[in-house]
Amino acid sequence: MALNIRTAQKTAKLTAKQAGAVDRPLVGAVLDELTSWNPREFITAFQRWHQGSISLIHLNVLTMLEASGPLSMSAVAESLDISVASATGVIDRMEARGLVRRRRHPEDRRVVLVEPAAGGRKVFGDIDSRRRKGLSALLGRLSDEELNALLLGHRALRAARLEFAKSPAPASTVAPRERALRERAPRERAPRQRQAGAEA
């Protein structure tokens, strides 16, 4: 689940076309506004909100672990599209800062899992606090009429998002890397189980 801003923007535009946005100009106009931040603006806002407290790659790893649960070093490396040696260096630095911790897999002691530590969980609380502060400054520039319209729109969008989440996603929409990680886990366990049986 690596953060890829450009890919996310392109995917959003493609999804809108598939959903019929071409037939509804208003949908396209709203989508343009929702995806109007370019990568440079995103990075600038990120740096302003978080004041250098955490790097993008560390936030990337924490987001990935939050979404997927504990991951092996090889899974972390594959998700970040870097070598296991590079991923180990990233995790070493994060562990030194108290953001993640390592533990042995309960079913296979040879496998080392990475999971968020207390410091990593605290990061999301700090991010939310700074984000709310930054957004409050922006919203303070809007009139009450504009704020009411924005509130109605966001509540409708949240309701639509919750409804959309209830419908099963087609297999083709699952990210190839995420699908590969899911499929690889049972295949990795099978040879180990056969080997353990043979040794017994």
N, C-alpha and C. Protein backbone atom coordinates (compact mmCIF):
# COMPACT_ATOMS: atom_id res chain seq x y z
N MET A 1 0.82 -1.21 0.00
CA MET A 1 0.00 0.00 0.00
C MET A 1 0.85 1.25 0.00
N ALA A 2 1.79 1.27 -0.82
CA ALA A 2 2.67 2.43 -0.87
C ALA A 2 1.91 3.65 -1.35
N LEU A 3 2.22 4.81 -0.79
CA LEU A 3 1.57 6.05 -1.19
C LEU A 3 2.13 6.50 -2.53
N ASN A 4 1.28 6.64 -3.52
CA ASN A 4 1.71 7.11 -4.82
C ASN A 4 0.70 8.14 -5.28
N ILE A 5 1.06 9.41 -5.15
CA ILE A 5 0.11 10.50 -5.38
C ILE A 5 -0.33 10.55 -6.84
N ARG A 6 0.63 10.47 -7.75
CA ARG A 6 0.27 10.56 -9.17
C ARG A 6 -0.64 9.41 -9.58
N THR A 7 -0.31 8.19 -9.12
CA THR A 7 -1.13 7.04 -9.45
C THR A 7 -2.52 7.19 -8.89
N ALA A 8 -2.63 7.71 -7.66
CA ALA A 8 -3.94 7.89 -7.05
C ALA A 8 -4.78 8.88 -7.84
N GLN A 9 -4.15 9.96 -8.32
CA GLN A 9 -4.90 10.95 -9.09
C GLN A 9 -5.38 10.35 -10.42
N LYS A 10 -4.51 9.61 -11.09
CA LYS A 10 -4.89 8.99 -12.37
C LYS A 10 -6.01 7.97 -12.15
N THR A 11 -5.89 7.17 -11.07
CA THR A 11 -6.90 6.16 -10.78
C THR A 11 -8.24 6.80 -10.51
N ALA A 12 -8.23 7.92 -9.76
CA ALA A 12 -9.48 8.62 -9.46
C ALA A 12 -10.16 9.09 -10.73
N LYS A 13 -9.37 9.61 -11.69
CA LYS A 13 -9.95 10.10 -12.93
C LYS A 13 -10.50 8.95 -13.77
N LEU A 14 -9.79 7.83 -13.80
CA LEU A 14 -10.27 6.67 -14.55
C LEU A 14 -11.54 6.13 -13.92
N THR A 15 -11.58 6.07 -12.58
CA THR A 15 -12.76 5.57 -11.89
C THR A 15 -13.96 6.44 -12.18
N ALA A 16 -13.74 7.73 -12.23
CA ALA A 16 -14.85 8.64 -12.51
C ALA A 16 -15.42 8.40 -13.90
N LYS A 17 -14.55 8.16 -14.88
CA LYS A 17 -15.02 7.87 -16.23
C LYS A 17 -15.82 6.58 -16.24
N GLN A 18 -15.31 5.57 -15.53
CA GLN A 18 -16.01 4.29 -15.48
C GLN A 18 -17.36 4.42 -14.81
N ALA A 19 -17.46 5.36 -13.85
CA ALA A 19 -18.71 5.54 -13.11
C ALA A 19 -19.71 6.42 -13.85
N GLY A 20 -19.35 6.91 -15.02
CA GLY A 20 -20.27 7.70 -15.81
C GLY A 20 -20.10 9.19 -15.65
N ALA A 21 -18.95 9.63 -15.17
CA ALA A 21 -18.73 11.06 -14.98
C ALA A 21 -18.74 11.80 -16.31
N VAL A 22 -18.40 11.09 -17.40
CA VAL A 22 -18.39 11.73 -18.71
C VAL A 22 -19.80 12.19 -19.08
N ASP A 23 -20.82 11.43 -18.61
CA ASP A 23 -22.21 11.78 -18.90
C ASP A 23 -22.77 12.80 -17.93
N ARG A 24 -22.02 13.10 -16.87
CA ARG A 24 -22.47 14.08 -15.88
C ARG A 24 -21.35 15.08 -15.66
N PRO A 25 -21.36 16.17 -16.39
CA PRO A 25 -20.29 17.17 -16.27
C PRO A 25 -20.06 17.66 -14.85
N LEU A 26 -21.14 17.74 -14.05
CA LEU A 26 -21.00 18.23 -12.69
C LEU A 26 -20.12 17.28 -11.86
N VAL A 27 -20.25 15.98 -12.10
CA VAL A 27 -19.40 15.01 -11.40
C VAL A 27 -17.94 15.25 -11.76
N GLY A 28 -17.69 15.48 -13.03
CA GLY A 28 -16.31 15.74 -13.46
C GLY A 28 -15.75 17.01 -12.84
N ALA A 29 -16.59 18.04 -12.73
CA ALA A 29 -16.13 19.31 -12.14
C ALA A 29 -15.78 19.13 -10.66
N VAL A 30 -16.63 18.38 -9.93
CA VAL A 30 -16.35 18.12 -8.51
C VAL A 30 -15.09 17.28 -8.37
N LEU A 31 -14.95 16.28 -9.22
CA LEU A 31 -13.77 15.41 -9.18
C LEU A 31 -12.50 16.22 -9.42
N ASP A 32 -12.54 17.15 -10.36
CA ASP A 32 -11.37 18.00 -10.63
C ASP A 32 -10.96 18.78 -9.38
N GLU A 33 -11.96 19.26 -8.64
CA GLU A 33 -11.65 20.01 -7.42
C GLU A 33 -11.08 19.10 -6.33
N LEU A 34 -11.66 17.90 -6.20
CA LEU A 34 -11.20 16.98 -5.17
C LEU A 34 -9.79 16.47 -5.42
N THR A 35 -9.39 16.42 -6.68
CA THR A 35 -8.05 15.90 -7.03
C THR A 35 -7.14 17.01 -7.55
N SER A 36 -7.44 18.25 -7.16
CA SER A 36 -6.71 19.39 -7.74
C SER A 36 -5.32 19.57 -7.16
N TRP A 37 -5.03 18.98 -6.00
CA TRP A 37 -3.69 19.12 -5.43
C TRP A 37 -2.69 18.34 -6.25
N ASN A 38 -1.63 19.01 -6.70
CA ASN A 38 -0.58 18.27 -7.40
C ASN A 38 0.42 17.75 -6.35
N PRO A 39 1.31 16.84 -6.74
CA PRO A 39 2.25 16.25 -5.76
C PRO A 39 3.06 17.28 -5.00
N ARG A 40 3.48 18.37 -5.67
CA ARG A 40 4.29 19.40 -5.00
C ARG A 40 3.49 20.06 -3.89
N GLU A 41 2.22 20.37 -4.16
CA GLU A 41 1.37 20.99 -3.13
C GLU A 41 1.14 20.04 -1.97
N PHE A 42 0.98 18.74 -2.29
CA PHE A 42 0.79 17.75 -1.24
C PHE A 42 2.00 17.69 -0.32
N ILE A 43 3.20 17.64 -0.92
CA ILE A 43 4.42 17.55 -0.13
C ILE A 43 4.58 18.81 0.73
N THR A 44 4.30 19.98 0.14
CA THR A 44 4.42 21.24 0.89
C THR A 44 3.48 21.26 2.09
N ALA A 45 2.23 20.84 1.87
CA ALA A 45 1.26 20.80 2.97
C ALA A 45 1.69 19.79 4.02
N PHE A 46 2.19 18.65 3.56
CA PHE A 46 2.65 17.61 4.49
C PHE A 46 3.76 18.15 5.39
N GLN A 47 4.73 18.82 4.78
CA GLN A 47 5.86 19.36 5.55
C GLN A 47 5.39 20.45 6.51
N ARG A 48 4.43 21.26 6.09
CA ARG A 48 3.94 22.34 6.95
C ARG A 48 3.17 21.77 8.14
N TRP A 49 2.33 20.76 7.88
CA TRP A 49 1.51 20.19 8.94
C TRP A 49 2.35 19.41 9.95
N HIS A 50 3.36 18.68 9.45
CA HIS A 50 4.07 17.75 10.33
C HIS A 50 5.43 18.26 10.77
N GLN A 51 5.83 19.40 10.24
CA GLN A 51 7.01 20.11 10.74
C GLN A 51 8.25 19.21 10.85
N GLY A 52 8.42 18.34 9.87
CA GLY A 52 9.60 17.48 9.82
C GLY A 52 9.62 16.39 10.88
N SER A 53 8.48 16.12 11.54
CA SER A 53 8.46 15.12 12.60
C SER A 53 8.57 13.70 12.08
N ILE A 54 8.20 13.48 10.83
CA ILE A 54 8.26 12.14 10.25
C ILE A 54 8.45 12.26 8.74
N SER A 55 9.22 11.35 8.17
CA SER A 55 9.45 11.39 6.72
C SER A 55 8.31 10.69 6.00
N LEU A 56 8.21 10.96 4.70
CA LEU A 56 7.15 10.34 3.91
C LEU A 56 7.27 8.82 3.88
N ILE A 57 8.52 8.32 3.76
CA ILE A 57 8.66 6.86 3.68
C ILE A 57 8.28 6.20 5.01
N HIS A 58 8.58 6.85 6.13
CA HIS A 58 8.18 6.30 7.42
C HIS A 58 6.66 6.33 7.56
N LEU A 59 6.04 7.41 7.12
CA LEU A 59 4.58 7.48 7.14
C LEU A 59 3.99 6.43 6.21
N ASN A 60 4.64 6.22 5.08
CA ASN A 60 4.21 5.20 4.13
C ASN A 60 4.17 3.82 4.79
N VAL A 61 5.26 3.48 5.49
CA VAL A 61 5.34 2.19 6.17
C VAL A 61 4.27 2.06 7.24
N LEU A 62 4.09 3.11 8.05
CA LEU A 62 3.08 3.06 9.12
C LEU A 62 1.67 2.90 8.55
N THR A 63 1.40 3.61 7.46
CA THR A 63 0.08 3.50 6.82
C THR A 63 -0.14 2.09 6.31
N MET A 64 0.90 1.52 5.72
CA MET A 64 0.83 0.16 5.19
C MET A 64 0.57 -0.85 6.30
N LEU A 65 1.27 -0.71 7.42
CA LEU A 65 1.10 -1.62 8.55
C LEU A 65 -0.28 -1.44 9.19
N GLU A 66 -0.74 -0.19 9.23
CA GLU A 66 -2.06 0.08 9.81
C GLU A 66 -3.15 -0.59 8.97
N ALA A 67 -2.98 -0.59 7.66
CA ALA A 67 -3.99 -1.15 6.76
C ALA A 67 -3.90 -2.67 6.66
N SER A 68 -2.68 -3.21 6.64
CA SER A 68 -2.48 -4.64 6.37
C SER A 68 -2.18 -5.48 7.60
N GLY A 69 -1.83 -4.84 8.71
CA GLY A 69 -1.41 -5.60 9.88
C GLY A 69 0.07 -5.92 9.80
N PRO A 70 0.60 -6.69 10.75
CA PRO A 70 2.03 -7.02 10.76
C PRO A 70 2.48 -7.65 9.45
N LEU A 71 3.66 -7.25 8.97
CA LEU A 71 4.19 -7.77 7.71
C LEU A 71 5.62 -8.25 7.92
N SER A 72 6.01 -9.24 7.12
CA SER A 72 7.39 -9.71 7.13
C SER A 72 8.27 -8.68 6.44
N MET A 73 9.58 -8.78 6.65
CA MET A 73 10.50 -7.83 6.02
C MET A 73 10.42 -7.93 4.51
N SER A 74 10.26 -9.14 3.97
CA SER A 74 10.18 -9.28 2.51
C SER A 74 8.91 -8.62 1.98
N ALA A 75 7.81 -8.71 2.74
CA ALA A 75 6.56 -8.08 2.31
C ALA A 75 6.68 -6.56 2.36
N VAL A 76 7.36 -6.04 3.40
CA VAL A 76 7.59 -4.59 3.48
C VAL A 76 8.42 -4.13 2.30
N ALA A 77 9.49 -4.86 1.99
CA ALA A 77 10.36 -4.50 0.87
C ALA A 77 9.59 -4.51 -0.45
N GLU A 78 8.77 -5.53 -0.65
CA GLU A 78 8.03 -5.63 -1.91
C GLU A 78 7.00 -4.51 -2.02
N SER A 79 6.34 -4.18 -0.93
CA SER A 79 5.34 -3.12 -0.97
C SER A 79 5.96 -1.76 -1.24
N LEU A 80 7.19 -1.55 -0.75
CA LEU A 80 7.89 -0.28 -0.98
C LEU A 80 8.66 -0.29 -2.29
N ASP A 81 8.74 -1.46 -2.93
CA ASP A 81 9.48 -1.62 -4.19
C ASP A 81 10.96 -1.31 -3.99
N ILE A 82 11.53 -1.83 -2.90
CA ILE A 82 12.95 -1.67 -2.62
C ILE A 82 13.50 -3.03 -2.21
N SER A 83 14.82 -3.14 -2.08
CA SER A 83 15.43 -4.41 -1.69
C SER A 83 15.18 -4.68 -0.21
N VAL A 84 15.33 -5.94 0.18
CA VAL A 84 15.16 -6.30 1.59
C VAL A 84 16.20 -5.58 2.44
N ALA A 85 17.43 -5.44 1.92
CA ALA A 85 18.48 -4.74 2.66
C ALA A 85 18.09 -3.28 2.91
N SER A 86 17.53 -2.62 1.89
CA SER A 86 17.09 -1.23 2.05
C SER A 86 15.93 -1.13 3.03
N ALA A 87 15.00 -2.08 2.92
CA ALA A 87 13.86 -2.09 3.83
C ALA A 87 14.31 -2.30 5.27
N THR A 88 15.32 -3.14 5.45
CA THR A 88 15.85 -3.38 6.79
C THR A 88 16.42 -2.10 7.37
N GLY A 89 17.11 -1.32 6.55
CA GLY A 89 17.63 -0.03 7.01
C GLY A 89 16.53 0.92 7.42
N VAL A 90 15.45 0.96 6.63
CA VAL A 90 14.30 1.82 6.96
C VAL A 90 13.71 1.40 8.30
N ILE A 91 13.48 0.09 8.46
CA ILE A 91 12.88 -0.42 9.69
C ILE A 91 13.80 -0.21 10.89
N ASP A 92 15.11 -0.36 10.68
CA ASP A 92 16.07 -0.10 11.76
C ASP A 92 15.91 1.32 12.30
N ARG A 93 15.83 2.29 11.38
CA ARG A 93 15.69 3.69 11.78
C ARG A 93 14.35 3.95 12.46
N MET A 94 13.31 3.33 11.94
CA MET A 94 11.99 3.51 12.54
C MET A 94 11.93 2.87 13.93
N GLU A 95 12.57 1.71 14.08
CA GLU A 95 12.57 1.04 15.38
C GLU A 95 13.35 1.87 16.40
N ALA A 96 14.44 2.49 15.96
CA ALA A 96 15.24 3.32 16.86
C ALA A 96 14.44 4.52 17.35
N ARG A 97 13.48 4.98 16.56
CA ARG A 97 12.63 6.11 16.94
C ARG A 97 11.37 5.68 17.68
N GLY A 98 11.22 4.37 17.87
CA GLY A 98 10.05 3.87 18.59
C GLY A 98 8.79 3.85 17.76
N LEU A 99 8.92 3.87 16.42
CA LEU A 99 7.75 3.88 15.54
C LEU A 99 7.23 2.48 15.25
N VAL A 100 8.12 1.51 15.15
CA VAL A 100 7.74 0.13 14.88
C VAL A 100 8.51 -0.80 15.82
N ARG A 101 8.09 -2.04 15.85
CA ARG A 101 8.84 -3.05 16.59
C ARG A 101 8.82 -4.36 15.80
N ARG A 102 9.81 -5.18 16.04
CA ARG A 102 9.89 -6.49 15.40
C ARG A 102 9.49 -7.57 16.41
N ARG A 103 8.89 -8.63 15.88
CA ARG A 103 8.60 -9.81 16.71
C ARG A 103 8.60 -11.04 15.82
N ARG A 104 8.78 -12.18 16.43
CA ARG A 104 8.79 -13.44 15.69
C ARG A 104 7.36 -13.87 15.36
N HIS A 105 7.22 -14.48 14.19
CA HIS A 105 5.92 -15.01 13.79
C HIS A 105 5.56 -16.14 14.75
N PRO A 106 4.34 -16.14 15.29
CA PRO A 106 3.98 -17.18 16.27
C PRO A 106 3.99 -18.60 15.70
N GLU A 107 3.79 -18.75 14.37
CA GLU A 107 3.74 -20.08 13.77
C GLU A 107 5.05 -20.48 13.11
N ASP A 108 5.92 -19.51 12.86
CA ASP A 108 7.21 -19.80 12.24
C ASP A 108 8.23 -18.83 12.81
N ARG A 109 9.03 -19.29 13.76
CA ARG A 109 9.96 -18.42 14.47
C ARG A 109 11.04 -17.86 13.56
N ARG A 110 11.21 -18.43 12.37
CA ARG A 110 12.22 -17.91 11.46
C ARG A 110 11.79 -16.61 10.80
N VAL A 111 10.49 -16.37 10.78
CA VAL A 111 9.95 -15.17 10.13
C VAL A 111 9.85 -14.04 11.14
N VAL A 112 10.41 -12.88 10.77
CA VAL A 112 10.34 -11.68 11.62
C VAL A 112 9.25 -10.76 11.07
N LEU A 113 8.32 -10.40 11.94
CA LEU A 113 7.23 -9.50 11.55
C LEU A 113 7.49 -8.09 12.06
N VAL A 114 7.01 -7.12 11.30
CA VAL A 114 7.11 -5.71 11.69
C VAL A 114 5.71 -5.20 11.98
N GLU A 115 5.55 -4.50 13.08
CA GLU A 115 4.25 -3.95 13.44
C GLU A 115 4.43 -2.58 14.11
N PRO A 116 3.37 -1.75 14.12
CA PRO A 116 3.51 -0.42 14.74
C PRO A 116 3.79 -0.53 16.23
N ALA A 117 4.64 0.35 16.74
CA ALA A 117 4.89 0.46 18.17
C ALA A 117 4.06 1.62 18.70
N ALA A 118 4.18 1.90 19.99
CA ALA A 118 3.38 2.98 20.59
C ALA A 118 3.66 4.32 19.90
N GLY A 119 4.94 4.57 19.55
CA GLY A 119 5.27 5.82 18.87
C GLY A 119 4.64 5.92 17.50
N GLY A 120 4.54 4.79 16.81
CA GLY A 120 3.91 4.79 15.49
C GLY A 120 2.43 5.07 15.57
N ARG A 121 1.78 4.50 16.58
CA ARG A 121 0.34 4.76 16.75
C ARG A 121 0.09 6.22 17.13
N LYS A 122 1.02 6.79 17.90
CA LYS A 122 0.88 8.19 18.31
C LYS A 122 0.99 9.13 17.11
N VAL A 123 1.76 8.71 16.09
CA VAL A 123 1.95 9.54 14.90
C VAL A 123 0.61 9.91 14.28
N PHE A 124 -0.31 8.93 14.20
CA PHE A 124 -1.58 9.20 13.55
C PHE A 124 -2.42 10.19 14.35
N GLY A 125 -2.32 10.14 15.68
CA GLY A 125 -3.02 11.13 16.50
C GLY A 125 -2.45 12.52 16.29
N ASP A 126 -1.12 12.60 16.21
CA ASP A 126 -0.47 13.90 15.98
C ASP A 126 -0.82 14.45 14.59
N ILE A 127 -0.84 13.55 13.60
CA ILE A 127 -1.17 13.96 12.23
C ILE A 127 -2.59 14.53 12.19
N ASP A 128 -3.51 13.83 12.85
CA ASP A 128 -4.91 14.30 12.84
C ASP A 128 -5.03 15.65 13.51
N SER A 129 -4.31 15.85 14.61
CA SER A 129 -4.38 17.12 15.32
C SER A 129 -3.85 18.27 14.46
N ARG A 130 -2.70 18.06 13.81
CA ARG A 130 -2.12 19.11 12.97
C ARG A 130 -2.97 19.35 11.72
N ARG A 131 -3.52 18.27 11.18
CA ARG A 131 -4.37 18.41 9.99
C ARG A 131 -5.61 19.22 10.32
N ARG A 132 -6.23 18.95 11.46
CA ARG A 132 -7.41 19.70 11.86
C ARG A 132 -7.08 21.18 12.08
N LYS A 133 -5.91 21.44 12.63
CA LYS A 133 -5.50 22.82 12.85
C LYS A 133 -5.31 23.54 11.51
N GLY A 134 -4.66 22.86 10.56
CA GLY A 134 -4.45 23.47 9.25
C GLY A 134 -5.75 23.69 8.50
N LEU A 135 -6.64 22.68 8.56
CA LEU A 135 -7.92 22.81 7.87
C LEU A 135 -8.80 23.88 8.51
N SER A 136 -8.69 24.03 9.83
CA SER A 136 -9.47 25.07 10.52
C SER A 136 -9.11 26.46 10.01
N ALA A 137 -7.82 26.65 9.75
CA ALA A 137 -7.38 27.95 9.22
C ALA A 137 -7.96 28.19 7.83
N LEU A 138 -8.03 27.13 7.02
CA LEU A 138 -8.61 27.27 5.67
C LEU A 138 -10.11 27.51 5.74
N LEU A 139 -10.80 26.74 6.57
CA LEU A 139 -12.25 26.86 6.66
C LEU A 139 -12.66 28.20 7.24
N GLY A 140 -11.80 28.79 8.07
CA GLY A 140 -12.11 30.10 8.64
C GLY A 140 -12.22 31.19 7.60
N ARG A 141 -11.74 30.95 6.39
CA ARG A 141 -11.82 31.93 5.31
C ARG A 141 -13.15 31.86 4.55
N LEU A 142 -13.97 30.84 4.84
CA LEU A 142 -15.24 30.66 4.13
C LEU A 142 -16.38 31.33 4.89
N SER A 143 -17.40 31.73 4.14
CA SER A 143 -18.60 32.30 4.76
C SER A 143 -19.44 31.17 5.34
N ASP A 144 -20.42 31.54 6.18
CA ASP A 144 -21.31 30.52 6.77
C ASP A 144 -22.08 29.79 5.67
N GLU A 145 -22.48 30.52 4.63
CA GLU A 145 -23.21 29.89 3.53
C GLU A 145 -22.33 28.86 2.82
N GLU A 146 -21.08 29.21 2.60
CA GLU A 146 -20.16 28.28 1.95
C GLU A 146 -19.87 27.07 2.85
N LEU A 147 -19.74 27.33 4.15
CA LEU A 147 -19.49 26.23 5.08
C LEU A 147 -20.67 25.27 5.14
N ASN A 148 -21.90 25.79 5.12
CA ASN A 148 -23.08 24.93 5.14
C ASN A 148 -23.14 24.07 3.88
N ALA A 149 -22.84 24.67 2.73
CA ALA A 149 -22.86 23.91 1.48
C ALA A 149 -21.78 22.83 1.49
N LEU A 150 -20.60 23.19 2.01
CA LEU A 150 -19.50 22.23 2.09
C LEU A 150 -19.85 21.08 3.03
N LEU A 151 -20.48 21.41 4.16
CA LEU A 151 -20.86 20.39 5.13
C LEU A 151 -21.86 19.41 4.54
N LEU A 152 -22.86 19.94 3.84
CA LEU A 152 -23.86 19.07 3.21
C LEU A 152 -23.20 18.16 2.18
N GLY A 153 -22.30 18.73 1.40
CA GLY A 153 -21.63 17.94 0.37
C GLY A 153 -20.78 16.83 0.96
N HIS A 154 -20.03 17.14 2.01
CA HIS A 154 -19.16 16.13 2.62
C HIS A 154 -19.96 15.04 3.33
N ARG A 155 -21.08 15.42 3.93
CA ARG A 155 -21.92 14.40 4.57
C ARG A 155 -22.51 13.47 3.51
N ALA A 156 -22.91 14.02 2.39
CA ALA A 156 -23.44 13.19 1.31
C ALA A 156 -22.34 12.29 0.74
N LEU A 157 -21.13 12.84 0.62
CA LEU A 157 -20.01 12.06 0.11
C LEU A 157 -19.66 10.92 1.07
N ARG A 158 -19.70 11.20 2.36
CA ARG A 158 -19.40 10.14 3.34
C ARG A 158 -20.44 9.03 3.26
N ALA A 159 -21.72 9.40 3.14
CA ALA A 159 -22.78 8.40 3.04
C ALA A 159 -22.59 7.55 1.79
N ALA A 160 -22.24 8.20 0.67
CA ALA A 160 -22.01 7.46 -0.58
C ALA A 160 -20.81 6.53 -0.44
N ARG A 161 -19.76 7.01 0.25
CA ARG A 161 -18.56 6.19 0.44
C ARG A 161 -18.87 4.95 1.27
N LEU A 162 -19.65 5.12 2.35
CA LEU A 162 -20.02 3.98 3.18
C LEU A 162 -20.86 2.98 2.42
N GLU A 163 -21.76 3.49 1.60
CA GLU A 163 -22.61 2.61 0.79
C GLU A 163 -21.78 1.86 -0.25
N PHE A 164 -20.83 2.59 -0.85
CA PHE A 164 -19.96 1.98 -1.86
C PHE A 164 -19.09 0.89 -1.24
N ALA A 165 -18.66 1.11 0.02
CA ALA A 165 -17.78 0.14 0.68
C ALA A 165 -18.49 -1.18 0.95
N LYS A 166 -19.81 -1.16 1.01
CA LYS A 166 -20.57 -2.39 1.28
C LYS A 166 -20.59 -3.33 0.08
N SER A 167 -20.42 -2.78 -1.13
CA SER A 167 -20.47 -3.61 -2.33
C SER A 167 -19.11 -4.25 -2.56
N PRO A 168 -19.07 -5.55 -2.90
CA PRO A 168 -17.78 -6.24 -3.12
C PRO A 168 -17.06 -5.67 -4.33
N ALA A 169 -15.75 -5.47 -4.18
CA ALA A 169 -14.95 -4.94 -5.29
C ALA A 169 -14.61 -6.06 -6.25
N PRO A 170 -14.68 -5.80 -7.57
CA PRO A 170 -14.26 -6.81 -8.54
C PRO A 170 -12.80 -7.17 -8.35
N ALA A 171 -12.46 -8.41 -8.67
CA ALA A 171 -11.07 -8.87 -8.47
C ALA A 171 -10.08 -8.02 -9.24
N SER A 172 -10.50 -7.47 -10.38
CA SER A 172 -9.58 -6.70 -11.22
C SER A 172 -9.19 -5.37 -10.59
N THR A 173 -9.99 -4.91 -9.58
CA THR A 173 -9.68 -3.62 -8.98
C THR A 173 -8.70 -3.74 -7.82
N VAL A 174 -8.40 -4.96 -7.39
CA VAL A 174 -7.43 -5.15 -6.31
C VAL A 174 -6.04 -4.92 -6.86
N ALA A 175 -5.25 -4.10 -6.17
CA ALA A 175 -3.91 -3.77 -6.63
C ALA A 175 -3.11 -5.04 -6.83
N PRO A 176 -2.39 -5.18 -7.98
CA PRO A 176 -1.63 -6.40 -8.25
C PRO A 176 -0.67 -6.77 -7.14
N ARG A 177 0.04 -5.77 -6.57
CA ARG A 177 1.00 -6.08 -5.52
C ARG A 177 0.30 -6.57 -4.27
N GLU A 178 -0.82 -5.94 -3.92
CA GLU A 178 -1.57 -6.37 -2.74
C GLU A 178 -2.11 -7.78 -2.95
N ARG A 179 -2.61 -8.06 -4.17
CA ARG A 179 -3.13 -9.39 -4.46
C ARG A 179 -2.02 -10.43 -4.38
N ALA A 180 -0.83 -10.06 -4.87
CA ALA A 180 0.30 -10.99 -4.85
C ALA A 180 0.72 -11.30 -3.42
N LEU A 181 0.70 -10.27 -2.55
CA LEU A 181 1.08 -10.50 -1.16
C LEU A 181 0.09 -11.43 -0.48
N ARG A 182 -1.21 -11.26 -0.80
CA ARG A 182 -2.22 -12.12 -0.18
C ARG A 182 -2.05 -13.56 -0.64
N GLU A 183 -1.79 -13.74 -1.95
CA GLU A 183 -1.69 -15.08 -2.51
C GLU A 183 -0.39 -15.76 -2.12
N ARG A 184 0.65 -14.97 -1.85
CA ARG A 184 1.95 -15.56 -1.57
C ARG A 184 2.03 -16.18 -0.19
N ALA A 185 1.29 -15.62 0.78
CA ALA A 185 1.38 -16.10 2.16
C ALA A 185 1.08 -17.60 2.28
N PRO A 186 -0.05 -18.11 1.71
CA PRO A 186 -0.29 -19.55 1.83
C PRO A 186 0.77 -20.38 1.13
N ARG A 187 1.29 -19.87 -0.01
CA ARG A 187 2.30 -20.64 -0.75
C ARG A 187 3.60 -20.71 0.04
N GLU A 188 3.91 -19.63 0.80
CA GLU A 188 5.14 -19.65 1.60
C GLU A 188 5.02 -20.61 2.77
N ARG A 189 3.80 -20.72 3.34
CA ARG A 189 3.63 -21.58 4.50
C ARG A 189 3.67 -23.06 4.11
N ALA A 190 3.13 -23.39 2.92
CA ALA A 190 3.01 -24.80 2.52
C ALA A 190 4.35 -25.52 2.49
N PRO A 191 5.41 -24.99 1.82
CA PRO A 191 6.69 -25.70 1.81
C PRO A 191 7.27 -25.86 3.21
N ARG A 192 7.08 -24.84 4.07
CA ARG A 192 7.61 -24.93 5.42
C ARG A 192 6.90 -26.03 6.20
N GLN A 193 5.59 -26.16 5.99
CA GLN A 193 4.85 -27.20 6.68
C GLN A 193 5.26 -28.59 6.20
N ARG A 194 5.48 -28.72 4.86
CA ARG A 194 5.93 -30.00 4.32
C ARG A 194 7.32 -30.35 4.84
N GLN A 195 8.20 -29.32 4.90
CA GLN A 195 9.56 -29.54 5.39
C GLN A 195 9.52 -29.96 6.85
N ALA A 196 8.67 -29.30 7.64
CA ALA A 196 8.57 -29.66 9.06
C ALA A 196 8.08 -31.09 9.23
N GLY A 197 7.13 -31.50 8.35
CA GLY A 197 6.63 -32.86 8.42
C GLY A 197 7.67 -33.88 8.06
N ALA A 198 8.50 -33.54 7.06
CA ALA A 198 9.54 -34.46 6.63
C ALA A 198 10.61 -34.61 7.71
N GLU A 199 10.95 -33.49 8.37
CA GLU A 199 11.97 -33.53 9.42
C GLU A 199 11.48 -34.32 10.63
N ALA A 200 10.14 -34.25 10.86
CA ALA A 200 9.57 -34.99 11.99
C ALA A 200 9.65 -36.48 11.73
